[in-house]
């Protein structure tokens, strides 16, 4: 049984094996982002702080892209799926961030939910195929290849860093604070 905190986030296991610990922290950070973005309208998801252009809506879309990019594109070796496949990333390298303002809250949440589900499926398949040592099917430009372990740690790092941004942004929206 998984313990859930007062915000509905699953607590990572205190003494789990490596896989359950990595997945536990990834799910905890995913749930933290969901909590920080919950119940907000389009205006709130587009709120910025200071001179930064970062928004909670941009975070949702960016992390949807990160989930798809690392689990589907790199880990599985597949081409980018919609909506990422229609973007000229050399012309618009921040498209995931900037285009979020045109999306409704429902579209942003649905995009992120679908990406996390594809990521969970890809990770489960890789774990079944060879565990944490499973190598991504797409190598880096220099020929090196990341392991599933590396991909999972990178996803945890990406969420942890951006959840700090989400804390500040959510407080600016409506004063909600916490962790």
N, C-alpha and C. Protein backbone atom coordinates (compact mmCIF):
# COMPACT_ATOMS: atom_id res chain seq x y z
N UNK A 1 0.85 -1.18 0.00
CA UNK A 1 0.00 0.00 0.00
C UNK A 1 0.89 1.24 0.00
N UNK A 2 0.55 2.20 -0.83
CA UNK A 2 1.31 3.43 -0.95
C UNK A 2 0.71 4.48 -0.01
N UNK A 3 1.58 5.12 0.76
CA UNK A 3 1.13 6.23 1.60
C UNK A 3 0.97 7.46 0.72
N UNK A 4 -0.08 8.23 0.98
CA UNK A 4 -0.36 9.44 0.22
C UNK A 4 -0.40 10.60 1.20
N UNK A 5 0.25 11.72 0.83
CA UNK A 5 0.27 12.86 1.74
C UNK A 5 -1.01 13.70 1.60
N UNK A 6 -1.08 14.80 2.35
CA UNK A 6 -2.30 15.62 2.38
C UNK A 6 -2.60 16.30 1.05
N UNK A 7 -1.64 16.35 0.13
CA UNK A 7 -1.89 16.92 -1.20
C UNK A 7 -2.20 15.82 -2.23
N UNK A 8 -2.29 14.59 -1.79
CA UNK A 8 -2.60 13.49 -2.68
C UNK A 8 -1.39 12.91 -3.40
N UNK A 9 -0.20 13.23 -2.92
CA UNK A 9 1.02 12.74 -3.57
C UNK A 9 1.47 11.42 -2.95
N UNK A 10 1.83 10.45 -3.79
CA UNK A 10 2.33 9.19 -3.25
C UNK A 10 3.72 9.38 -2.65
N UNK A 11 3.90 8.91 -1.44
CA UNK A 11 5.20 9.03 -0.77
C UNK A 11 6.16 7.98 -1.35
N UNK A 12 7.37 8.39 -1.74
CA UNK A 12 8.34 7.40 -2.21
C UNK A 12 8.68 6.43 -1.07
N UNK A 13 9.01 5.19 -1.40
CA UNK A 13 9.32 4.23 -0.35
C UNK A 13 10.58 4.63 0.41
N UNK A 14 10.57 4.45 1.72
CA UNK A 14 11.73 4.79 2.55
C UNK A 14 12.84 3.76 2.43
N UNK A 15 12.50 2.54 2.15
CA UNK A 15 13.51 1.48 2.08
C UNK A 15 13.25 0.55 0.89
N UNK A 16 12.89 1.14 -0.25
CA UNK A 16 12.60 0.35 -1.42
C UNK A 16 13.86 0.00 -2.19
N UNK A 17 13.70 -0.87 -3.17
CA UNK A 17 14.83 -1.17 -4.06
C UNK A 17 15.03 0.02 -5.00
N UNK A 18 16.03 -0.06 -5.86
CA UNK A 18 16.38 1.07 -6.72
C UNK A 18 15.23 1.46 -7.65
N UNK A 19 14.60 0.49 -8.27
CA UNK A 19 13.52 0.78 -9.21
C UNK A 19 12.35 1.44 -8.50
N UNK A 20 11.90 0.87 -7.40
CA UNK A 20 10.74 1.45 -6.71
C UNK A 20 11.07 2.82 -6.13
N UNK A 21 12.31 3.04 -5.74
CA UNK A 21 12.71 4.36 -5.23
C UNK A 21 12.71 5.39 -6.36
N UNK A 22 13.31 5.06 -7.49
CA UNK A 22 13.33 6.00 -8.62
C UNK A 22 11.92 6.31 -9.11
N UNK A 23 11.12 5.26 -9.30
CA UNK A 23 9.75 5.48 -9.77
C UNK A 23 8.92 6.19 -8.71
N UNK A 24 9.18 5.91 -7.44
CA UNK A 24 8.46 6.57 -6.36
C UNK A 24 8.72 8.07 -6.34
N UNK A 25 9.99 8.45 -6.50
CA UNK A 25 10.31 9.88 -6.53
C UNK A 25 9.77 10.55 -7.79
N UNK A 26 9.82 9.86 -8.93
CA UNK A 26 9.27 10.43 -10.16
C UNK A 26 7.76 10.66 -10.01
N UNK A 27 7.04 9.68 -9.49
CA UNK A 27 5.60 9.85 -9.30
C UNK A 27 5.29 10.94 -8.27
N UNK A 28 6.10 11.04 -7.23
CA UNK A 28 5.92 12.10 -6.24
C UNK A 28 6.07 13.47 -6.90
N UNK A 29 7.09 13.63 -7.72
CA UNK A 29 7.31 14.93 -8.38
C UNK A 29 6.26 15.21 -9.44
N UNK A 30 5.79 14.19 -10.13
CA UNK A 30 4.69 14.40 -11.07
C UNK A 30 3.46 14.88 -10.31
N UNK A 31 3.17 14.26 -9.20
CA UNK A 31 2.00 14.65 -8.39
C UNK A 31 2.17 16.05 -7.81
N UNK A 32 3.40 16.44 -7.52
CA UNK A 32 3.65 17.80 -7.03
C UNK A 32 3.31 18.82 -8.10
N UNK A 33 3.73 18.57 -9.34
CA UNK A 33 3.37 19.48 -10.43
C UNK A 33 1.86 19.54 -10.60
N UNK A 34 1.20 18.39 -10.57
CA UNK A 34 -0.26 18.36 -10.70
C UNK A 34 -0.91 19.19 -9.61
N UNK A 35 -0.42 19.07 -8.38
CA UNK A 35 -0.96 19.83 -7.26
C UNK A 35 -0.77 21.33 -7.48
N UNK A 36 0.41 21.73 -7.92
CA UNK A 36 0.70 23.16 -8.12
C UNK A 36 -0.12 23.77 -9.25
N UNK A 37 -0.56 22.95 -10.20
CA UNK A 37 -1.32 23.45 -11.35
C UNK A 37 -2.82 23.19 -11.25
N UNK A 38 -3.26 22.56 -10.19
CA UNK A 38 -4.66 22.16 -10.05
C UNK A 38 -5.59 23.35 -9.86
N UNK A 39 -6.74 23.26 -10.50
CA UNK A 39 -7.81 24.22 -10.26
C UNK A 39 -7.58 25.62 -10.81
N UNK A 40 -6.63 25.79 -11.71
CA UNK A 40 -6.32 27.12 -12.21
C UNK A 40 -6.93 27.34 -13.59
N UNK A 41 -7.37 28.57 -13.83
CA UNK A 41 -7.90 28.92 -15.14
C UNK A 41 -6.75 29.36 -16.06
N UNK A 42 -7.08 29.69 -17.30
CA UNK A 42 -6.07 30.06 -18.29
C UNK A 42 -5.25 31.26 -17.85
N UNK A 43 -5.90 32.25 -17.25
CA UNK A 43 -5.17 33.43 -16.80
C UNK A 43 -4.15 33.07 -15.72
N UNK A 44 -4.55 32.25 -14.79
CA UNK A 44 -3.64 31.84 -13.72
C UNK A 44 -2.49 31.01 -14.27
N UNK A 45 -2.76 30.12 -15.22
CA UNK A 45 -1.70 29.30 -15.81
C UNK A 45 -0.73 30.14 -16.65
N UNK A 46 -1.13 31.36 -17.01
CA UNK A 46 -0.28 32.25 -17.80
C UNK A 46 0.42 33.31 -16.95
N UNK A 47 0.26 33.27 -15.63
CA UNK A 47 0.88 34.25 -14.74
C UNK A 47 2.40 34.09 -14.74
N UNK A 48 3.09 35.22 -14.80
CA UNK A 48 4.55 35.23 -14.71
C UNK A 48 4.97 35.95 -13.43
N UNK A 49 6.24 35.82 -13.09
CA UNK A 49 6.82 36.48 -11.92
C UNK A 49 8.01 37.31 -12.39
N UNK A 50 8.01 38.58 -12.04
CA UNK A 50 9.13 39.45 -12.41
C UNK A 50 9.31 39.50 -13.92
N UNK A 51 10.56 39.46 -14.34
CA UNK A 51 10.85 39.55 -15.78
C UNK A 51 10.82 38.19 -16.46
N UNK A 52 10.65 37.13 -15.71
CA UNK A 52 10.61 35.79 -16.30
C UNK A 52 9.36 35.61 -17.15
N UNK A 53 9.48 34.84 -18.21
CA UNK A 53 8.33 34.49 -19.04
C UNK A 53 7.76 33.11 -18.67
N UNK A 54 8.36 32.46 -17.67
CA UNK A 54 7.92 31.13 -17.26
C UNK A 54 6.53 31.20 -16.63
N UNK A 55 5.68 30.21 -16.99
CA UNK A 55 4.33 30.11 -16.45
C UNK A 55 4.06 28.67 -16.03
N UNK A 56 3.03 28.49 -15.22
CA UNK A 56 2.63 27.13 -14.87
C UNK A 56 2.14 26.36 -16.09
N UNK A 57 1.43 27.04 -16.98
CA UNK A 57 1.00 26.40 -18.22
C UNK A 57 2.21 25.97 -19.05
N UNK A 58 3.22 26.84 -19.11
CA UNK A 58 4.45 26.50 -19.82
C UNK A 58 5.15 25.31 -19.18
N UNK A 59 5.12 25.25 -17.85
CA UNK A 59 5.71 24.10 -17.15
C UNK A 59 4.99 22.81 -17.52
N UNK A 60 3.67 22.84 -17.53
CA UNK A 60 2.91 21.64 -17.90
C UNK A 60 3.27 21.17 -19.31
N UNK A 61 3.32 22.11 -20.24
CA UNK A 61 3.61 21.73 -21.62
C UNK A 61 5.06 21.29 -21.78
N UNK A 62 5.97 22.00 -21.15
CA UNK A 62 7.39 21.63 -21.22
C UNK A 62 7.61 20.24 -20.63
N UNK A 63 7.01 19.95 -19.49
CA UNK A 63 7.22 18.64 -18.87
C UNK A 63 6.50 17.54 -19.64
N UNK A 64 5.42 17.87 -20.34
CA UNK A 64 4.82 16.89 -21.26
C UNK A 64 5.81 16.57 -22.37
N UNK A 65 6.45 17.59 -22.90
CA UNK A 65 7.47 17.40 -23.94
C UNK A 65 8.64 16.56 -23.40
N UNK A 66 9.11 16.89 -22.21
CA UNK A 66 10.23 16.17 -21.60
C UNK A 66 9.87 14.69 -21.44
N UNK A 67 8.67 14.41 -20.93
CA UNK A 67 8.23 13.01 -20.77
C UNK A 67 8.26 12.28 -22.11
N UNK A 68 7.65 12.88 -23.13
CA UNK A 68 7.61 12.25 -24.45
C UNK A 68 9.00 12.14 -25.06
N UNK A 69 9.79 13.19 -24.94
CA UNK A 69 11.10 13.19 -25.57
C UNK A 69 11.99 12.09 -25.00
N UNK A 70 12.05 11.99 -23.69
CA UNK A 70 12.96 11.02 -23.09
C UNK A 70 12.43 9.59 -23.13
N UNK A 71 11.14 9.42 -22.97
CA UNK A 71 10.64 8.04 -22.92
C UNK A 71 10.28 7.48 -24.29
N UNK A 72 9.71 8.29 -25.15
CA UNK A 72 9.28 7.80 -26.46
C UNK A 72 10.40 7.98 -27.49
N UNK A 73 10.92 9.20 -27.58
CA UNK A 73 11.92 9.48 -28.62
C UNK A 73 13.27 8.84 -28.30
N UNK A 74 13.79 9.07 -27.11
CA UNK A 74 15.11 8.53 -26.78
C UNK A 74 15.06 7.07 -26.36
N UNK A 75 14.24 6.75 -25.36
CA UNK A 75 14.23 5.39 -24.83
C UNK A 75 13.72 4.38 -25.86
N UNK A 76 12.58 4.67 -26.48
CA UNK A 76 12.02 3.74 -27.47
C UNK A 76 12.62 3.90 -28.86
N UNK A 77 13.22 5.06 -29.13
CA UNK A 77 13.80 5.30 -30.45
C UNK A 77 12.79 5.70 -31.50
N UNK A 78 11.60 6.10 -31.08
CA UNK A 78 10.55 6.48 -32.03
C UNK A 78 10.69 7.96 -32.40
N UNK A 79 10.02 8.33 -33.47
CA UNK A 79 9.98 9.74 -33.86
C UNK A 79 9.04 10.49 -32.92
N UNK A 80 9.17 11.79 -32.91
CA UNK A 80 8.30 12.61 -32.05
C UNK A 80 6.85 12.43 -32.49
N UNK A 81 5.95 12.42 -31.49
CA UNK A 81 4.52 12.32 -31.74
C UNK A 81 3.91 13.72 -31.68
N UNK A 82 2.64 13.82 -32.02
CA UNK A 82 1.93 15.11 -31.96
C UNK A 82 1.86 15.57 -30.51
N UNK A 83 1.96 16.84 -30.25
CA UNK A 83 2.13 17.96 -31.18
C UNK A 83 3.59 18.28 -31.48
N UNK A 84 4.51 17.53 -30.92
CA UNK A 84 5.94 17.85 -31.02
C UNK A 84 6.49 17.63 -32.43
N UNK A 85 5.83 16.79 -33.22
CA UNK A 85 6.34 16.44 -34.54
C UNK A 85 6.15 17.54 -35.58
N UNK A 86 5.28 18.52 -35.31
CA UNK A 86 5.04 19.60 -36.27
C UNK A 86 5.82 20.86 -35.95
N UNK A 87 6.74 20.79 -35.02
CA UNK A 87 7.50 21.96 -34.58
C UNK A 87 8.87 21.96 -35.24
N UNK A 88 9.29 23.12 -35.74
CA UNK A 88 10.66 23.28 -36.22
C UNK A 88 11.47 23.77 -35.02
N UNK A 89 12.07 22.82 -34.31
CA UNK A 89 12.76 23.12 -33.05
C UNK A 89 14.00 23.97 -33.26
N UNK A 90 14.55 24.00 -34.47
CA UNK A 90 15.71 24.87 -34.71
C UNK A 90 15.27 26.32 -34.81
N UNK A 91 14.05 26.56 -35.28
CA UNK A 91 13.52 27.92 -35.39
C UNK A 91 12.85 28.34 -34.07
N UNK A 92 12.16 27.41 -33.43
CA UNK A 92 11.42 27.69 -32.19
C UNK A 92 11.85 26.74 -31.07
N UNK A 93 13.07 26.91 -30.54
CA UNK A 93 13.55 25.97 -29.51
C UNK A 93 12.77 26.02 -28.20
N UNK A 94 12.02 27.08 -27.97
CA UNK A 94 11.22 27.21 -26.74
C UNK A 94 9.73 27.08 -27.02
N UNK A 95 9.38 26.43 -28.12
CA UNK A 95 7.97 26.33 -28.51
C UNK A 95 7.10 25.75 -27.41
N UNK A 96 7.59 24.73 -26.71
CA UNK A 96 6.78 24.12 -25.66
C UNK A 96 6.40 25.14 -24.60
N UNK A 97 7.32 26.03 -24.28
CA UNK A 97 7.07 27.07 -23.28
C UNK A 97 6.15 28.16 -23.83
N UNK A 98 6.46 28.67 -25.00
CA UNK A 98 5.75 29.85 -25.51
C UNK A 98 4.36 29.54 -26.05
N UNK A 99 4.17 28.35 -26.60
CA UNK A 99 2.87 28.03 -27.20
C UNK A 99 1.81 27.69 -26.16
N UNK A 100 2.21 27.46 -24.93
CA UNK A 100 1.25 27.07 -23.88
C UNK A 100 0.18 28.13 -23.66
N UNK A 101 0.49 29.39 -23.92
CA UNK A 101 -0.49 30.46 -23.71
C UNK A 101 -1.69 30.33 -24.64
N UNK A 102 -1.55 29.62 -25.75
CA UNK A 102 -2.66 29.43 -26.68
C UNK A 102 -3.52 28.21 -26.32
N UNK A 103 -3.10 27.44 -25.35
CA UNK A 103 -3.81 26.22 -24.97
C UNK A 103 -4.70 26.45 -23.76
N UNK A 104 -5.83 25.78 -23.74
CA UNK A 104 -6.72 25.88 -22.59
C UNK A 104 -6.16 25.05 -21.44
N UNK A 105 -6.60 25.31 -20.21
CA UNK A 105 -6.17 24.46 -19.09
C UNK A 105 -6.44 22.98 -19.35
N UNK A 106 -7.62 22.66 -19.88
CA UNK A 106 -7.93 21.25 -20.16
C UNK A 106 -6.96 20.65 -21.17
N UNK A 107 -6.61 21.42 -22.22
CA UNK A 107 -5.66 20.92 -23.22
C UNK A 107 -4.28 20.69 -22.59
N UNK A 108 -3.84 21.61 -21.76
CA UNK A 108 -2.52 21.46 -21.13
C UNK A 108 -2.48 20.26 -20.19
N UNK A 109 -3.50 20.12 -19.37
CA UNK A 109 -3.54 18.98 -18.45
C UNK A 109 -3.66 17.66 -19.22
N UNK A 110 -4.47 17.62 -20.26
CA UNK A 110 -4.62 16.40 -21.06
C UNK A 110 -3.33 16.03 -21.77
N UNK A 111 -2.64 17.03 -22.30
CA UNK A 111 -1.37 16.78 -22.98
C UNK A 111 -0.36 16.20 -22.01
N UNK A 112 -0.26 16.79 -20.83
CA UNK A 112 0.68 16.31 -19.82
C UNK A 112 0.28 14.91 -19.33
N UNK A 113 -1.01 14.69 -19.05
CA UNK A 113 -1.48 13.37 -18.60
C UNK A 113 -1.15 12.29 -19.63
N UNK A 114 -1.41 12.58 -20.91
CA UNK A 114 -1.15 11.58 -21.96
C UNK A 114 0.35 11.29 -22.08
N UNK A 115 1.16 12.33 -21.97
CA UNK A 115 2.61 12.14 -22.05
C UNK A 115 3.13 11.32 -20.88
N UNK A 116 2.63 11.58 -19.68
CA UNK A 116 3.09 10.79 -18.53
C UNK A 116 2.65 9.34 -18.66
N UNK A 117 1.48 9.11 -19.25
CA UNK A 117 1.04 7.72 -19.45
C UNK A 117 1.92 7.02 -20.47
N UNK A 118 2.26 7.69 -21.57
CA UNK A 118 3.16 7.09 -22.56
C UNK A 118 4.52 6.80 -21.92
N UNK A 119 4.97 7.72 -21.08
CA UNK A 119 6.25 7.54 -20.40
C UNK A 119 6.21 6.34 -19.46
N UNK A 120 5.15 6.23 -18.67
CA UNK A 120 5.02 5.09 -17.76
C UNK A 120 5.05 3.77 -18.53
N UNK A 121 4.37 3.73 -19.66
CA UNK A 121 4.33 2.52 -20.49
C UNK A 121 5.73 2.21 -21.03
N UNK A 122 6.41 3.20 -21.56
CA UNK A 122 7.76 2.99 -22.12
C UNK A 122 8.73 2.53 -21.04
N UNK A 123 8.65 3.11 -19.86
CA UNK A 123 9.53 2.72 -18.75
C UNK A 123 9.23 1.29 -18.32
N UNK A 124 7.95 0.95 -18.19
CA UNK A 124 7.59 -0.42 -17.80
C UNK A 124 8.11 -1.44 -18.82
N UNK A 125 7.99 -1.12 -20.10
CA UNK A 125 8.50 -2.01 -21.14
C UNK A 125 10.01 -2.15 -21.05
N UNK A 126 10.72 -1.04 -20.84
CA UNK A 126 12.18 -1.09 -20.73
C UNK A 126 12.60 -1.88 -19.49
N UNK A 127 11.88 -1.70 -18.39
CA UNK A 127 12.19 -2.48 -17.18
C UNK A 127 12.01 -3.97 -17.44
N UNK A 128 10.94 -4.32 -18.15
CA UNK A 128 10.69 -5.73 -18.46
C UNK A 128 11.73 -6.29 -19.42
N UNK A 129 12.23 -5.45 -20.31
CA UNK A 129 13.22 -5.89 -21.31
C UNK A 129 14.61 -6.11 -20.74
N UNK A 130 15.00 -5.34 -19.73
CA UNK A 130 16.37 -5.50 -19.25
C UNK A 130 16.68 -4.73 -17.99
N UNK A 131 15.66 -4.16 -17.38
CA UNK A 131 15.88 -3.44 -16.14
C UNK A 131 16.53 -2.08 -16.35
N UNK A 132 17.08 -1.56 -15.30
CA UNK A 132 17.66 -0.21 -15.32
C UNK A 132 18.85 -0.08 -16.25
N UNK A 133 19.47 -1.20 -16.60
CA UNK A 133 20.61 -1.17 -17.50
C UNK A 133 20.20 -1.08 -18.97
N UNK A 134 18.91 -1.21 -19.26
CA UNK A 134 18.43 -1.13 -20.63
C UNK A 134 18.91 0.18 -21.24
N UNK A 135 19.50 0.08 -22.42
CA UNK A 135 19.99 1.27 -23.10
C UNK A 135 18.91 1.86 -24.00
N UNK A 136 18.90 3.17 -24.06
CA UNK A 136 17.98 3.87 -24.95
C UNK A 136 18.27 3.45 -26.39
N UNK A 137 17.27 3.44 -27.21
CA UNK A 137 17.45 3.02 -28.61
C UNK A 137 18.01 4.14 -29.47
N UNK A 138 17.91 5.39 -28.99
CA UNK A 138 18.46 6.52 -29.75
C UNK A 138 19.73 6.99 -29.04
N UNK A 139 20.87 6.95 -29.73
CA UNK A 139 22.11 7.42 -29.10
C UNK A 139 22.23 8.94 -29.22
N UNK A 140 23.09 9.50 -28.37
CA UNK A 140 23.44 10.91 -28.49
C UNK A 140 24.27 11.10 -29.76
N UNK A 141 24.47 12.34 -30.18
CA UNK A 141 25.22 12.65 -31.40
C UNK A 141 26.63 12.06 -31.37
N UNK A 142 27.22 11.95 -30.18
CA UNK A 142 28.58 11.42 -30.07
C UNK A 142 28.63 9.90 -29.99
N UNK A 143 27.47 9.25 -30.13
CA UNK A 143 27.42 7.80 -30.13
C UNK A 143 27.15 7.15 -28.78
N UNK A 144 27.29 7.92 -27.69
CA UNK A 144 27.00 7.35 -26.36
C UNK A 144 25.50 7.16 -26.21
N UNK A 145 25.14 6.22 -25.35
CA UNK A 145 23.72 5.90 -25.14
C UNK A 145 23.41 5.90 -23.65
N UNK A 146 22.33 6.55 -23.30
CA UNK A 146 21.90 6.61 -21.89
C UNK A 146 21.17 5.33 -21.50
N UNK A 147 21.32 4.96 -20.24
CA UNK A 147 20.57 3.82 -19.70
C UNK A 147 19.22 4.29 -19.19
N UNK A 148 18.32 3.34 -18.97
CA UNK A 148 17.04 3.66 -18.36
C UNK A 148 17.26 4.33 -17.00
N UNK A 149 18.24 3.86 -16.24
CA UNK A 149 18.56 4.47 -14.94
C UNK A 149 18.84 5.97 -15.13
N UNK A 150 19.67 6.31 -16.10
CA UNK A 150 20.03 7.70 -16.37
C UNK A 150 18.78 8.50 -16.75
N UNK A 151 17.93 7.93 -17.62
CA UNK A 151 16.70 8.61 -18.06
C UNK A 151 15.81 8.90 -16.86
N UNK A 152 15.64 7.92 -15.97
CA UNK A 152 14.78 8.12 -14.80
C UNK A 152 15.34 9.18 -13.86
N UNK A 153 16.65 9.13 -13.62
CA UNK A 153 17.25 10.16 -12.76
C UNK A 153 17.10 11.53 -13.41
N UNK A 154 17.28 11.59 -14.72
CA UNK A 154 17.12 12.87 -15.42
C UNK A 154 15.68 13.39 -15.30
N UNK A 155 14.70 12.51 -15.43
CA UNK A 155 13.30 12.93 -15.28
C UNK A 155 13.03 13.44 -13.86
N UNK A 156 13.54 12.75 -12.84
CA UNK A 156 13.38 13.21 -11.46
C UNK A 156 14.02 14.59 -11.31
N UNK A 157 15.21 14.76 -11.84
CA UNK A 157 15.92 16.05 -11.76
C UNK A 157 15.13 17.16 -12.44
N UNK A 158 14.60 16.86 -13.60
CA UNK A 158 13.84 17.85 -14.36
C UNK A 158 12.59 18.31 -13.58
N UNK A 159 11.86 17.35 -13.04
CA UNK A 159 10.69 17.70 -12.24
C UNK A 159 11.07 18.45 -10.97
N UNK A 160 12.09 17.98 -10.27
CA UNK A 160 12.48 18.61 -9.00
C UNK A 160 12.85 20.07 -9.23
N UNK A 161 13.63 20.33 -10.28
CA UNK A 161 14.03 21.70 -10.59
C UNK A 161 12.82 22.56 -10.92
N UNK A 162 11.95 22.04 -11.79
CA UNK A 162 10.80 22.84 -12.21
C UNK A 162 9.72 22.94 -11.14
N UNK A 163 9.65 21.98 -10.23
CA UNK A 163 8.69 22.12 -9.14
C UNK A 163 9.06 23.28 -8.22
N UNK A 164 10.33 23.60 -8.11
CA UNK A 164 10.73 24.81 -7.40
C UNK A 164 10.18 26.06 -8.08
N UNK A 165 10.23 26.07 -9.40
CA UNK A 165 9.63 27.18 -10.15
C UNK A 165 8.12 27.22 -9.91
N UNK A 166 7.51 26.04 -9.92
CA UNK A 166 6.05 25.95 -9.74
C UNK A 166 5.63 26.50 -8.38
N UNK A 167 6.44 26.26 -7.35
CA UNK A 167 6.15 26.81 -6.02
C UNK A 167 6.02 28.32 -6.08
N UNK A 168 7.00 28.95 -6.68
CA UNK A 168 7.02 30.41 -6.77
C UNK A 168 5.87 30.94 -7.63
N UNK A 169 5.64 30.28 -8.76
CA UNK A 169 4.56 30.72 -9.65
C UNK A 169 3.20 30.57 -9.00
N UNK A 170 2.96 29.46 -8.34
CA UNK A 170 1.65 29.25 -7.70
C UNK A 170 1.43 30.27 -6.59
N UNK A 171 2.46 30.56 -5.82
CA UNK A 171 2.32 31.57 -4.78
C UNK A 171 1.97 32.93 -5.38
N UNK A 172 2.54 33.25 -6.54
CA UNK A 172 2.23 34.51 -7.21
C UNK A 172 0.79 34.55 -7.72
N UNK A 173 0.24 33.39 -8.07
CA UNK A 173 -1.12 33.32 -8.61
C UNK A 173 -2.15 33.59 -7.52
N UNK A 174 -2.06 32.85 -6.41
CA UNK A 174 -3.13 32.95 -5.42
C UNK A 174 -2.65 32.82 -3.97
N UNK A 175 -1.36 32.89 -3.77
CA UNK A 175 -0.82 32.84 -2.41
C UNK A 175 -0.66 31.43 -1.85
N UNK A 176 -1.02 30.41 -2.63
CA UNK A 176 -0.89 29.04 -2.17
C UNK A 176 0.59 28.68 -2.03
N UNK A 177 0.95 28.20 -0.85
CA UNK A 177 2.33 27.79 -0.60
C UNK A 177 2.34 26.36 -0.07
N UNK A 178 3.51 25.84 0.04
CA UNK A 178 3.68 24.50 0.58
C UNK A 178 4.72 23.75 -0.22
N UNK A 179 5.68 23.23 0.50
CA UNK A 179 6.78 22.49 -0.08
C UNK A 179 7.29 23.13 -1.33
